[in-house]
Amino acid sequence: MNNYLSLKLQLPIGSYDLAKIDGPISYQVAEEGAEYAGIGKGAINISHFPTLVDQQDAFGSPISDSTRAMIAPETTEAMLVVYAFGQSPAQLAAIEQTVKTVLQAAFNPEEITTEIIA
């Protein structure tokens, strides 16, 4: 789903298992030397890149997601992040609608909650 949406929107996408995230999430620039195990990639250097961080450490980034918070067959609640930089409010609304439409068609979830954070 990430790859499809990323190609469709031409933006980086991250999906995360909410059960594997510890506490509040913040968006930060990673410090020098920061890294995590990337999905299918081994250690990823995320120094100076924007990252999603919880109480444990960084778990997501527009360059690669970590194995720690990755979606698995047992995932029941997920967060999908579209990393969009510099889009207008109208473009963000169109991105949001595209994501909702694709997720609804693919998974028919009970609930989709969206939030645009600028």
PDB file of N, CA and C in Angstrom:
ATOM      1  N   MET A   1       0.824  -1.180   0.000  1.00  0.00           N
ATOM      2  CA  MET A   1       0.000   0.000   0.000  1.00  0.00           C
ATOM      3  C   MET A   1       0.877   1.255   0.000  1.00  0.00           C
ATOM      4  N   ASN A   2       1.949   1.227   0.814  1.00  0.00           N
ATOM      5  CA  ASN A   2       2.839   2.396   0.851  1.00  0.00           C
ATOM      6  C   ASN A   2       3.407   2.705  -0.526  1.00  0.00           C
ATOM      7  N   ASN A   3       3.906   1.669  -1.194  1.00  0.00           N
ATOM      8  CA  ASN A   3       4.523   1.890  -2.502  1.00  0.00           C
ATOM      9  C   ASN A   3       3.501   2.423  -3.501  1.00  0.00           C
ATOM     10  N   TYR A   4       2.298   1.850  -3.503  1.00  0.00           N
ATOM     11  CA  TYR A   4       1.259   2.312  -4.415  1.00  0.00           C
ATOM     12  C   TYR A   4       0.942   3.784  -4.165  1.00  0.00           C
ATOM     13  N   LEU A   5       0.676   4.134  -2.906  1.00  0.00           N
ATOM     14  CA  LEU A   5       0.345   5.524  -2.587  1.00  0.00           C
ATOM     15  C   LEU A   5       1.515   6.462  -2.862  1.00  0.00           C
ATOM     16  N   SER A   6       2.715   6.006  -2.579  1.00  0.00           N
ATOM     17  CA  SER A   6       3.885   6.839  -2.824  1.00  0.00           C
ATOM     18  C   SER A   6       4.025   7.151  -4.315  1.00  0.00           C
ATOM     19  N   LEU A   7       3.811   6.153  -5.159  1.00  0.00           N
ATOM     20  CA  LEU A   7       3.873   6.380  -6.600  1.00  0.00           C
ATOM     21  C   LEU A   7       2.721   7.262  -7.070  1.00  0.00           C
ATOM     22  N   LYS A   8       1.535   7.008  -6.566  1.00  0.00           N
ATOM     23  CA  LYS A   8       0.351   7.780  -6.961  1.00  0.00           C
ATOM     24  C   LYS A   8       0.490   9.250  -6.561  1.00  0.00           C
ATOM     25  N   LEU A   9       0.947   9.495  -5.348  1.00  0.00           N
ATOM     26  CA  LEU A   9       1.060  10.858  -4.824  1.00  0.00           C
ATOM     27  C   LEU A   9       2.411  11.505  -5.107  1.00  0.00           C
ATOM     28  N   GLN A  10       3.388  10.688  -5.472  1.00  0.00           N
ATOM     29  CA  GLN A  10       4.774  11.139  -5.672  1.00  0.00           C
ATOM     30  C   GLN A  10       5.328  11.797  -4.408  1.00  0.00           C
ATOM     31  N   LEU A  11       5.031  11.124  -3.280  1.00  0.00           N
ATOM     32  CA  LEU A  11       5.496  11.570  -1.969  1.00  0.00           C
ATOM     33  C   LEU A  11       5.907  10.352  -1.148  1.00  0.00           C
ATOM     34  N   PRO A  12       6.816  10.519  -0.174  1.00  0.00           N
ATOM     35  CA  PRO A  12       7.153   9.397   0.705  1.00  0.00           C
ATOM     36  C   PRO A  12       6.004   9.091   1.662  1.00  0.00           C
ATOM     37  N   ILE A  13       5.812   7.792   1.924  1.00  0.00           N
ATOM     38  CA  ILE A  13       4.736   7.311   2.788  1.00  0.00           C
ATOM     39  C   ILE A  13       5.345   6.390   3.839  1.00  0.00           C
ATOM     40  N   GLY A  14       4.847   6.449   5.043  1.00  0.00           N
ATOM     41  CA  GLY A  14       5.244   5.515   6.098  1.00  0.00           C
ATOM     42  C   GLY A  14       4.009   4.936   6.760  1.00  0.00           C
ATOM     43  N   SER A  15       4.042   3.649   7.086  1.00  0.00           N
ATOM     44  CA  SER A  15       2.943   3.009   7.819  1.00  0.00           C
ATOM     45  C   SER A  15       3.510   2.362   9.072  1.00  0.00           C
ATOM     46  N   TYR A  16       2.792   2.517  10.186  1.00  0.00           N
ATOM     47  CA  TYR A  16       3.309   2.095  11.474  1.00  0.00           C
ATOM     48  C   TYR A  16       2.235   1.382  12.288  1.00  0.00           C
ATOM     49  N   ASP A  17       2.644   0.356  13.010  1.00  0.00           N
ATOM     50  CA  ASP A  17       1.748  -0.392  13.901  1.00  0.00           C
ATOM     51  C   ASP A  17       1.635   0.402  15.199  1.00  0.00           C
ATOM     52  N   LEU A  18       0.447   0.916  15.490  1.00  0.00           N
ATOM     53  CA  LEU A  18       0.272   1.751  16.679  1.00  0.00           C
ATOM     54  C   LEU A  18       0.542   1.010  17.984  1.00  0.00           C
ATOM     55  N   ALA A  19       0.369  -0.305  18.005  1.00  0.00           N
ATOM     56  CA  ALA A  19       0.650  -1.080  19.223  1.00  0.00           C
ATOM     57  C   ALA A  19       2.143  -1.106  19.546  1.00  0.00           C
ATOM     58  N   LYS A  20       2.980  -0.805  18.567  1.00  0.00           N
ATOM     59  CA  LYS A  20       4.437  -0.837  18.761  1.00  0.00           C
ATOM     60  C   LYS A  20       5.014   0.543  19.055  1.00  0.00           C
ATOM     61  N   ILE A  21       4.156   1.540  19.125  1.00  0.00           N
ATOM     62  CA  ILE A  21       4.611   2.906  19.394  1.00  0.00           C
ATOM     63  C   ILE A  21       4.334   3.222  20.860  1.00  0.00           C
ATOM     64  N   ASP A  22       5.336   3.793  21.523  1.00  0.00           N
ATOM     65  CA  ASP A  22       5.298   4.021  22.962  1.00  0.00           C
ATOM     66  C   ASP A  22       5.117   5.501  23.264  1.00  0.00           C
ATOM     67  N   GLY A  23       3.893   5.869  23.621  1.00  0.00           N
ATOM     68  CA  GLY A  23       3.643   7.239  24.067  1.00  0.00           C
ATOM     69  C   GLY A  23       3.464   8.218  22.934  1.00  0.00           C
ATOM     70  N   PRO A  24       3.533   9.491  23.260  1.00  0.00           N
ATOM     71  CA  PRO A  24       3.290  10.527  22.257  1.00  0.00           C
ATOM     72  C   PRO A  24       4.352  10.504  21.152  1.00  0.00           C
ATOM     73  N   ILE A  25       3.929  10.946  19.994  1.00  0.00           N
ATOM     74  CA  ILE A  25       4.806  10.993  18.818  1.00  0.00           C
ATOM     75  C   ILE A  25       5.174  12.448  18.552  1.00  0.00           C
ATOM     76  N   SER A  26       6.449  12.658  18.235  1.00  0.00           N
ATOM     77  CA  SER A  26       6.876  13.991  17.814  1.00  0.00           C
ATOM     78  C   SER A  26       7.642  13.872  16.498  1.00  0.00           C
ATOM     79  N   TYR A  27       7.765  14.976  15.825  1.00  0.00           N
ATOM     80  CA  TYR A  27       8.474  15.053  14.555  1.00  0.00           C
ATOM     81  C   TYR A  27       9.718  15.886  14.802  1.00  0.00           C
ATOM     82  N   GLN A  28      10.887  15.274  14.650  1.00  0.00           N
ATOM     83  CA  GLN A  28      12.144  15.940  14.999  1.00  0.00           C
ATOM     84  C   GLN A  28      13.192  15.691  13.926  1.00  0.00           C
ATOM     85  N   VAL A  29      14.246  16.460  13.985  1.00  0.00           N
ATOM     86  CA  VAL A  29      15.415  16.196  13.153  1.00  0.00           C
ATOM     87  C   VAL A  29      16.354  15.320  13.973  1.00  0.00           C
ATOM     88  N   ALA A  30      16.770  14.202  13.384  1.00  0.00           N
ATOM     89  CA  ALA A  30      17.628  13.254  14.102  1.00  0.00           C
ATOM     90  C   ALA A  30      19.013  13.850  14.344  1.00  0.00           C
ATOM     91  N   GLU A  31      19.555  13.496  15.484  1.00  0.00           N
ATOM     92  CA  GLU A  31      20.891  13.980  15.859  1.00  0.00           C
ATOM     93  C   GLU A  31      21.975  13.269  15.051  1.00  0.00           C
ATOM     94  N   GLU A  32      23.162  13.841  15.072  1.00  0.00           N
ATOM     95  CA  GLU A  32      24.325  13.239  14.422  1.00  0.00           C
ATOM     96  C   GLU A  32      24.541  11.832  14.954  1.00  0.00           C
ATOM     97  N   GLY A  33      24.742  10.873  14.067  1.00  0.00           N
ATOM     98  CA  GLY A  33      25.013   9.494  14.454  1.00  0.00           C
ATOM     99  C   GLY A  33      23.775   8.649  14.690  1.00  0.00           C
ATOM    100  N   ALA A  34      22.582   9.239  14.590  1.00  0.00           N
ATOM    101  CA  ALA A  34      21.351   8.483  14.818  1.00  0.00           C
ATOM    102  C   ALA A  34      21.132   7.461  13.711  1.00  0.00           C
ATOM    103  N   GLU A  35      20.663   6.294  14.114  1.00  0.00           N
ATOM    104  CA  GLU A  35      20.335   5.257  13.138  1.00  0.00           C
ATOM    105  C   GLU A  35      19.306   4.313  13.732  1.00  0.00           C
ATOM    106  N   TYR A  36      18.677   3.539  12.870  1.00  0.00           N
ATOM    107  CA  TYR A  36      17.807   2.455  13.301  1.00  0.00           C
ATOM    108  C   TYR A  36      17.823   1.368  12.248  1.00  0.00           C
ATOM    109  N   ALA A  37      17.281   0.214  12.615  1.00  0.00           N
ATOM    110  CA  ALA A  37      17.187  -0.903  11.672  1.00  0.00           C
ATOM    111  C   ALA A  37      16.056  -0.608  10.700  1.00  0.00           C
ATOM    112  N   GLY A  38      16.408  -0.432   9.434  1.00  0.00           N
ATOM    113  CA  GLY A  38      15.418  -0.158   8.402  1.00  0.00           C
ATOM    114  C   GLY A  38      14.810  -1.446   7.877  1.00  0.00           C
ATOM    115  N   ILE A  39      13.595  -1.368   7.419  1.00  0.00           N
ATOM    116  CA  ILE A  39      12.909  -2.545   6.909  1.00  0.00           C
ATOM    117  C   ILE A  39      13.638  -3.062   5.671  1.00  0.00           C
ATOM    118  N   GLY A  40      14.183  -4.257   5.790  1.00  0.00           N
ATOM    119  CA  GLY A  40      14.889  -4.893   4.689  1.00  0.00           C
ATOM    120  C   GLY A  40      16.195  -4.243   4.299  1.00  0.00           C
ATOM    121  N   LYS A  41      16.751  -3.385   5.156  1.00  0.00           N
ATOM    122  CA  LYS A  41      17.937  -2.621   4.769  1.00  0.00           C
ATOM    123  C   LYS A  41      19.063  -2.642   5.786  1.00  0.00           C
ATOM    124  N   GLY A  42      18.882  -3.248   6.943  1.00  0.00           N
ATOM    125  CA  GLY A  42      19.900  -3.173   7.986  1.00  0.00           C
ATOM    126  C   GLY A  42      19.902  -1.792   8.612  1.00  0.00           C
ATOM    127  N   ALA A  43      21.038  -1.375   9.140  1.00  0.00           N
ATOM    128  CA  ALA A  43      21.137  -0.080   9.827  1.00  0.00           C
ATOM    129  C   ALA A  43      21.025   1.068   8.829  1.00  0.00           C
ATOM    130  N   ILE A  44      20.143   2.016   9.146  1.00  0.00           N
ATOM    131  CA  ILE A  44      19.935   3.209   8.319  1.00  0.00           C
ATOM    132  C   ILE A  44      20.420   4.420   9.095  1.00  0.00           C
ATOM    133  N   ASN A  45      21.302   5.195   8.498  1.00  0.00           N
ATOM    134  CA  ASN A  45      21.774   6.426   9.108  1.00  0.00           C
ATOM    135  C   ASN A  45      20.712   7.495   8.868  1.00  0.00           C
ATOM    136  N   ILE A  46      20.115   7.979   9.935  1.00  0.00           N
ATOM    137  CA  ILE A  46      19.070   9.000   9.814  1.00  0.00           C
ATOM    138  C   ILE A  46      19.543  10.365  10.326  1.00  0.00           C
ATOM    139  N   SER A  47      20.853  10.512  10.517  1.00  0.00           N
ATOM    140  CA  SER A  47      21.413  11.785  10.995  1.00  0.00           C
ATOM    141  C   SER A  47      20.881  12.956  10.178  1.00  0.00           C
ATOM    142  N   HIS A  48      20.377  13.963  10.879  1.00  0.00           N
ATOM    143  CA  HIS A  48      19.936  15.224  10.287  1.00  0.00           C
ATOM    144  C   HIS A  48      18.707  15.098   9.393  1.00  0.00           C
ATOM    145  N   PHE A  49      18.048  13.928   9.379  1.00  0.00           N
ATOM    146  CA  PHE A  49      16.818  13.761   8.613  1.00  0.00           C
ATOM    147  C   PHE A  49      15.625  13.977   9.528  1.00  0.00           C
ATOM    148  N   PRO A  50      14.502  14.403   8.965  1.00  0.00           N
ATOM    149  CA  PRO A  50      13.287  14.471   9.772  1.00  0.00           C
ATOM    150  C   PRO A  50      12.850  13.054  10.153  1.00  0.00           C
ATOM    151  N   THR A  51      12.435  12.883  11.399  1.00  0.00           N
ATOM    152  CA  THR A  51      12.042  11.560  11.882  1.00  0.00           C
ATOM    153  C   THR A  51      10.833  11.659  12.798  1.00  0.00           C
ATOM    154  N   LEU A  52      10.101  10.556  12.882  1.00  0.00           N
ATOM    155  CA  LEU A  52       9.047  10.400  13.870  1.00  0.00           C
ATOM    156  C   LEU A  52       9.676   9.718  15.070  1.00  0.00           C
ATOM    157  N   VAL A  53       9.390  10.239  16.264  1.00  0.00           N
ATOM    158  CA  VAL A  53      10.026   9.771  17.486  1.00  0.00           C
ATOM    159  C   VAL A  53       8.950   9.520  18.548  1.00  0.00           C
ATOM    160  N   ASP A  54       9.095   8.397  19.281  1.00  0.00           N
ATOM    161  CA  ASP A  54       8.231   8.158  20.437  1.00  0.00           C
ATOM    162  C   ASP A  54       9.113   8.137  21.677  1.00  0.00           C
ATOM    163  N   GLN A  55       8.633   7.611  22.786  1.00  0.00           N
ATOM    164  CA  GLN A  55       9.419   7.614  24.021  1.00  0.00           C
ATOM    165  C   GLN A  55      10.611   6.672  23.958  1.00  0.00           C
ATOM    166  N   GLN A  56      10.606   5.725  23.028  1.00  0.00           N
ATOM    167  CA  GLN A  56      11.753   4.822  22.897  1.00  0.00           C
ATOM    168  C   GLN A  56      12.850   5.429  22.038  1.00  0.00           C
ATOM    169  N   ASP A  57      12.473   5.966  20.862  1.00  0.00           N
ATOM    170  CA  ASP A  57      13.462   6.508  19.927  1.00  0.00           C
ATOM    171  C   ASP A  57      12.780   6.761  18.592  1.00  0.00           C
ATOM    172  N   ALA A  58      13.568   7.083  17.593  1.00  0.00           N
ATOM    173  CA  ALA A  58      13.037   7.291  16.246  1.00  0.00           C
ATOM    174  C   ALA A  58      12.533   5.965  15.680  1.00  0.00           C
ATOM    175  N   PHE A  59      11.429   6.051  14.917  1.00  0.00           N
ATOM    176  CA  PHE A  59      10.878   4.841  14.311  1.00  0.00           C
ATOM    177  C   PHE A  59      10.448   5.037  12.860  1.00  0.00           C
ATOM    178  N   GLY A  60      10.450   6.250  12.368  1.00  0.00           N
ATOM    179  CA  GLY A  60      10.016   6.483  10.999  1.00  0.00           C
ATOM    180  C   GLY A  60      10.643   7.726  10.422  1.00  0.00           C
ATOM    181  N   SER A  61      10.752   7.727   9.100  1.00  0.00           N
ATOM    182  CA  SER A  61      11.369   8.838   8.403  1.00  0.00           C
ATOM    183  C   SER A  61      10.946   8.790   6.938  1.00  0.00           C
ATOM    184  N   PRO A  62      10.991   9.911   6.240  1.00  0.00           N
ATOM    185  CA  PRO A  62      10.676   9.875   4.815  1.00  0.00           C
ATOM    186  C   PRO A  62      11.671   9.038   4.000  1.00  0.00           C
ATOM    187  N   ILE A  63      12.847   8.744   4.563  1.00  0.00           N
ATOM    188  CA  ILE A  63      13.835   7.974   3.797  1.00  0.00           C
ATOM    189  C   ILE A  63      13.685   6.474   3.970  1.00  0.00           C
ATOM    190  N   SER A  64      13.235   6.022   5.135  1.00  0.00           N
ATOM    191  CA  SER A  64      13.046   4.594   5.393  1.00  0.00           C
ATOM    192  C   SER A  64      12.402   4.419   6.766  1.00  0.00           C
ATOM    193  N   ASP A  65      11.562   3.395   6.879  1.00  0.00           N
ATOM    194  CA  ASP A  65      10.931   3.116   8.165  1.00  0.00           C
ATOM    195  C   ASP A  65      11.708   2.056   8.925  1.00  0.00           C
ATOM    196  N   SER A  66      11.513   2.035  10.241  1.00  0.00           N
ATOM    197  CA  SER A  66      12.233   1.086  11.085  1.00  0.00           C
ATOM    198  C   SER A  66      11.477  -0.238  11.191  1.00  0.00           C
ATOM    199  N   THR A  67      12.218  -1.273  11.538  1.00  0.00           N
ATOM    200  CA  THR A  67      11.588  -2.578  11.762  1.00  0.00           C
ATOM    201  C   THR A  67      10.780  -2.565  13.056  1.00  0.00           C
ATOM    202  N   ARG A  68      11.137  -1.697  14.001  1.00  0.00           N
ATOM    203  CA  ARG A  68      10.486  -1.686  15.314  1.00  0.00           C
ATOM    204  C   ARG A  68       8.989  -1.415  15.229  1.00  0.00           C
ATOM    205  N   ALA A  69       8.558  -0.515  14.385  1.00  0.00           N
ATOM    206  CA  ALA A  69       7.142  -0.136  14.331  1.00  0.00           C
ATOM    207  C   ALA A  69       6.453  -0.603  13.050  1.00  0.00           C
ATOM    208  N   MET A  70       7.087  -1.533  12.358  1.00  0.00           N
ATOM    209  CA  MET A  70       6.527  -1.928  11.061  1.00  0.00           C
ATOM    210  C   MET A  70       5.228  -2.726  11.193  1.00  0.00           C
ATOM    211  N   ILE A  71       4.427  -2.621  10.165  1.00  0.00           N
ATOM    212  CA  ILE A  71       3.169  -3.358  10.068  1.00  0.00           C
ATOM    213  C   ILE A  71       3.473  -4.851   9.955  1.00  0.00           C
ATOM    214  N   ALA A  72       2.670  -5.656  10.638  1.00  0.00           N
ATOM    215  CA  ALA A  72       2.822  -7.117  10.612  1.00  0.00           C
ATOM    216  C   ALA A  72       1.440  -7.751  10.487  1.00  0.00           C
ATOM    217  N   PRO A  73       1.365  -9.041  10.215  1.00  0.00           N
ATOM    218  CA  PRO A  73       0.046  -9.685  10.081  1.00  0.00           C
ATOM    219  C   PRO A  73      -0.867  -9.485  11.294  1.00  0.00           C
ATOM    220  N   GLU A  74      -0.295  -9.346  12.485  1.00  0.00           N
ATOM    221  CA  GLU A  74      -1.120  -9.182  13.695  1.00  0.00           C
ATOM    222  C   GLU A  74      -1.533  -7.730  13.953  1.00  0.00           C
ATOM    223  N   THR A  75      -1.132  -6.791  13.117  1.00  0.00           N
ATOM    224  CA  THR A  75      -1.481  -5.383  13.295  1.00  0.00           C
ATOM    225  C   THR A  75      -2.990  -5.189  13.191  1.00  0.00           C
ATOM    226  N   THR A  76      -3.550  -4.485  14.182  1.00  0.00           N
ATOM    227  CA  THR A  76      -4.987  -4.190  14.146  1.00  0.00           C
ATOM    228  C   THR A  76      -5.271  -2.696  14.029  1.00  0.00           C
ATOM    229  N   GLU A  77      -4.314  -1.856  14.425  1.00  0.00           N
ATOM    230  CA  GLU A  77      -4.438  -0.412  14.282  1.00  0.00           C
ATOM    231  C   GLU A  77      -3.145   0.134  13.704  1.00  0.00           C
ATOM    232  N   ALA A  78      -3.279   0.908  12.643  1.00  0.00           N
ATOM    233  CA  ALA A  78      -2.099   1.422  11.968  1.00  0.00           C
ATOM    234  C   ALA A  78      -2.211   2.922  11.750  1.00  0.00           C
ATOM    235  N   MET A  79      -1.057   3.529  11.609  1.00  0.00           N
ATOM    236  CA  MET A  79      -0.970   4.943  11.271  1.00  0.00           C
ATOM    237  C   MET A  79      -0.232   5.039   9.947  1.00  0.00           C
ATOM    238  N   LEU A  80      -0.816   5.744   8.994  1.00  0.00           N
ATOM    239  CA  LEU A  80      -0.170   5.981   7.712  1.00  0.00           C
ATOM    240  C   LEU A  80       0.194   7.459   7.660  1.00  0.00           C
ATOM    241  N   VAL A  81       1.439   7.742   7.342  1.00  0.00           N
ATOM    242  CA  VAL A  81       1.923   9.120   7.294  1.00  0.00           C
ATOM    243  C   VAL A  81       2.342   9.445   5.868  1.00  0.00           C
ATOM    244  N   VAL A  82       1.793  10.535   5.345  1.00  0.00           N
ATOM    245  CA  VAL A  82       2.243  11.069   4.060  1.00  0.00           C
ATOM    246  C   VAL A  82       3.174  12.229   4.403  1.00  0.00           C
ATOM    247  N   TYR A  83       4.424  12.095   4.042  1.00  0.00           N
ATOM    248  CA  TYR A  83       5.396  13.156   4.309  1.00  0.00           C
ATOM    249  C   TYR A  83       5.306  14.152   3.153  1.00  0.00           C
ATOM    250  N   ALA A  84       4.585  15.240   3.382  1.00  0.00           N
ATOM    251  CA  ALA A  84       4.353  16.242   2.347  1.00  0.00           C
ATOM    252  C   ALA A  84       4.974  17.563   2.789  1.00  0.00           C
ATOM    253  N   PHE A  85       5.778  18.117   1.937  1.00  0.00           N
ATOM    254  CA  PHE A  85       6.480  19.358   2.277  1.00  0.00           C
ATOM    255  C   PHE A  85       6.173  20.429   1.237  1.00  0.00           C
ATOM    256  N   GLY A  86       5.616  21.552   1.679  1.00  0.00           N
ATOM    257  CA  GLY A  86       5.403  22.685   0.788  1.00  0.00           C
ATOM    258  C   GLY A  86       4.123  22.640  -0.026  1.00  0.00           C
ATOM    259  N   GLN A  87       3.212  21.713   0.272  1.00  0.00           N
ATOM    260  CA  GLN A  87       1.959  21.662  -0.468  1.00  0.00           C
ATOM    261  C   GLN A  87       0.985  22.721   0.061  1.00  0.00           C
ATOM    262  N   SER A  88       0.144  23.203  -0.824  1.00  0.00           N
ATOM    263  CA  SER A  88      -0.874  24.176  -0.446  1.00  0.00           C
ATOM    264  C   SER A  88      -1.986  23.473   0.323  1.00  0.00           C
ATOM    265  N   PRO A  89      -2.835  24.233   1.014  1.00  0.00           N
ATOM    266  CA  PRO A  89      -3.979  23.609   1.684  1.00  0.00           C
ATOM    267  C   PRO A  89      -4.853  22.781   0.733  1.00  0.00           C
ATOM    268  N   ALA A  90      -5.057  23.264  -0.483  1.00  0.00           N
ATOM    269  CA  ALA A  90      -5.859  22.516  -1.458  1.00  0.00           C
ATOM    270  C   ALA A  90      -5.169  21.207  -1.848  1.00  0.00           C
ATOM    271  N   GLN A  91      -3.860  21.249  -2.026  1.00  0.00           N
ATOM    272  CA  GLN A  91      -3.118  20.024  -2.354  1.00  0.00           C
ATOM    273  C   GLN A  91      -3.174  19.029  -1.188  1.00  0.00           C
ATOM    274  N   LEU A  92      -3.047  19.526   0.040  1.00  0.00           N
ATOM    275  CA  LEU A  92      -3.127  18.649   1.206  1.00  0.00           C
ATOM    276  C   LEU A  92      -4.502  18.003   1.310  1.00  0.00           C
ATOM    277  N   ALA A  93      -5.545  18.751   1.023  1.00  0.00           N
ATOM    278  CA  ALA A  93      -6.902  18.199   1.058  1.00  0.00           C
ATOM    279  C   ALA A  93      -7.069  17.118  -0.004  1.00  0.00           C
ATOM    280  N   ALA A  94      -6.492  17.328  -1.175  1.00  0.00           N
ATOM    281  CA  ALA A  94      -6.567  16.325  -2.246  1.00  0.00           C
ATOM    282  C   ALA A  94      -5.791  15.069  -1.866  1.00  0.00           C
ATOM    283  N   ILE A  95      -4.632  15.235  -1.245  1.00  0.00           N
ATOM    284  CA  ILE A  95      -3.836  14.094  -0.772  1.00  0.00           C
ATOM    285  C   ILE A  95      -4.640  13.312   0.261  1.00  0.00           C
ATOM    286  N   GLU A  96      -5.233  14.016   1.210  1.00  0.00           N
ATOM    287  CA  GLU A  96      -6.024  13.382   2.254  1.00  0.00           C
ATOM    288  C   GLU A  96      -7.174  12.570   1.649  1.00  0.00           C
ATOM    289  N   GLN A  97      -7.868  13.128   0.680  1.00  0.00           N
ATOM    290  CA  GLN A  97      -8.992  12.431   0.054  1.00  0.00           C
ATOM    291  C   GLN A  97      -8.520  11.208  -0.719  1.00  0.00           C
ATOM    292  N   THR A  98      -7.404  11.315  -1.416  1.00  0.00           N
ATOM    293  CA  THR A  98      -6.849  10.174  -2.157  1.00  0.00           C
ATOM    294  C   THR A  98      -6.511   9.033  -1.209  1.00  0.00           C
ATOM    295  N   VAL A  99      -5.856   9.354  -0.108  1.00  0.00           N
ATOM    296  CA  VAL A  99      -5.494   8.327   0.876  1.00  0.00           C
ATOM    297  C   VAL A  99      -6.738   7.649   1.427  1.00  0.00           C
ATOM    298  N   LYS A 100      -7.735   8.421   1.800  1.00  0.00           N
ATOM    299  CA  LYS A 100      -8.975   7.848   2.332  1.00  0.00           C
ATOM    300  C   LYS A 100      -9.635   6.918   1.313  1.00  0.00           C
ATOM    301  N   THR A 101      -9.710   7.365   0.077  1.00  0.00           N
ATOM    302  CA  THR A 101     -10.354   6.575  -0.975  1.00  0.00           C
ATOM    303  C   THR A 101      -9.624   5.254  -1.199  1.00  0.00           C
ATOM    304  N   VAL A 102      -8.307   5.310  -1.273  1.00  0.00           N
ATOM    305  CA  VAL A 102      -7.511   4.102  -1.506  1.00  0.00           C
ATOM    306  C   VAL A 102      -7.615   3.146  -0.315  1.00  0.00           C
ATOM    307  N   LEU A 103      -7.500   3.655   0.897  1.00  0.00           N
ATOM    308  CA  LEU A 103      -7.596   2.796   2.080  1.00  0.00           C
ATOM    309  C   LEU A 103      -8.979   2.158   2.200  1.00  0.00           C
ATOM    310  N   GLN A 104     -10.017   2.933   1.925  1.00  0.00           N
ATOM    311  CA  GLN A 104     -11.379   2.405   1.990  1.00  0.00           C
ATOM    312  C   GLN A 104     -11.567   1.277   0.969  1.00  0.00           C
ATOM    313  N   ALA A 105     -11.090   1.487  -0.241  1.00  0.00           N
ATOM    314  CA  ALA A 105     -11.240   0.476  -1.292  1.00  0.00           C
ATOM    315  C   ALA A 105     -10.423  -0.776  -0.992  1.00  0.00           C
ATOM    316  N   ALA A 106      -9.227  -0.601  -0.442  1.00  0.00           N
ATOM    317  CA  ALA A 106      -8.334  -1.742  -0.207  1.00  0.00           C
ATOM    318  C   ALA A 106      -8.695  -2.542   1.037  1.00  0.00           C
ATOM    319  N   PHE A 107      -9.103  -1.865   2.103  1.00  0.00           N
ATOM    320  CA  PHE A 107      -9.256  -2.542   3.398  1.00  0.00           C
ATOM    321  C   PHE A 107     -10.652  -2.477   4.004  1.00  0.00           C
ATOM    322  N   ASN A 108     -11.478  -1.555   3.527  1.00  0.00           N
ATOM    323  CA  ASN A 108     -12.800  -1.347   4.104  1.00  0.00           C
ATOM    324  C   ASN A 108     -12.730  -1.269   5.639  1.00  0.00           C
ATOM    325  N   PRO A 109     -11.898  -0.369   6.163  1.00  0.00           N
ATOM    326  CA  PRO A 109     -11.736  -0.293   7.627  1.00  0.00           C
ATOM    327  C   PRO A 109     -12.989   0.232   8.312  1.00  0.00           C
ATOM    328  N   GLU A 110     -13.116  -0.114   9.584  1.00  0.00           N
ATOM    329  CA  GLU A 110     -14.234   0.384  10.389  1.00  0.00           C
ATOM    330  C   GLU A 110     -14.169   1.895  10.541  1.00  0.00           C
ATOM    331  N   GLU A 111     -12.954   2.414  10.635  1.00  0.00           N
ATOM    332  CA  GLU A 111     -12.787   3.845  10.877  1.00  0.00           C
ATOM    333  C   GLU A 111     -11.496   4.330  10.241  1.00  0.00           C
ATOM    334  N   ILE A 112     -11.549   5.505   9.648  1.00  0.00           N
ATOM    335  CA  ILE A 112     -10.353   6.200   9.167  1.00  0.00           C
ATOM    336  C   ILE A 112     -10.375   7.586   9.787  1.00  0.00           C
ATOM    337  N   THR A 113      -9.357   7.889  10.559  1.00  0.00           N
ATOM    338  CA  THR A 113      -9.222   9.212  11.166  1.00  0.00           C
ATOM    339  C   THR A 113      -8.035   9.894  10.496  1.00  0.00           C
ATOM    340  N   THR A 114      -8.236  11.124  10.057  1.00  0.00           N
ATOM    341  CA  THR A 114      -7.143  11.833   9.411  1.00  0.00           C
ATOM    342  C   THR A 114      -6.848  13.133  10.139  1.00  0.00           C
ATOM    343  N   GLU A 115      -5.617  13.574   9.982  1.00  0.00           N
ATOM    344  CA  GLU A 115      -5.193  14.831  10.571  1.00  0.00           C
ATOM    345  C   GLU A 115      -4.081  15.386   9.714  1.00  0.00           C
ATOM    346  N   ILE A 116      -4.183  16.652   9.379  1.00  0.00           N
ATOM    347  CA  ILE A 116      -3.108  17.327   8.651  1.00  0.00           C
ATOM    348  C   ILE A 116      -2.345  18.150   9.674  1.00  0.00           C
ATOM    349  N   ILE A 117      -1.055  17.896   9.767  1.00  0.00           N
ATOM    350  CA  ILE A 117      -0.203  18.616  10.701  1.00  0.00           C
ATOM    351  C   ILE A 117       0.736  19.483   9.880  1.00  0.00           C
ATOM    352  N   ALA A 118       0.649  20.764  10.065  1.00  0.00           N
ATOM    353  CA  ALA A 118       1.468  21.676   9.279  1.00  0.00           C
ATOM    354  C   ALA A 118       2.493  22.353  10.166  1.00  0.00           C
TER     355      ALA A 118
END
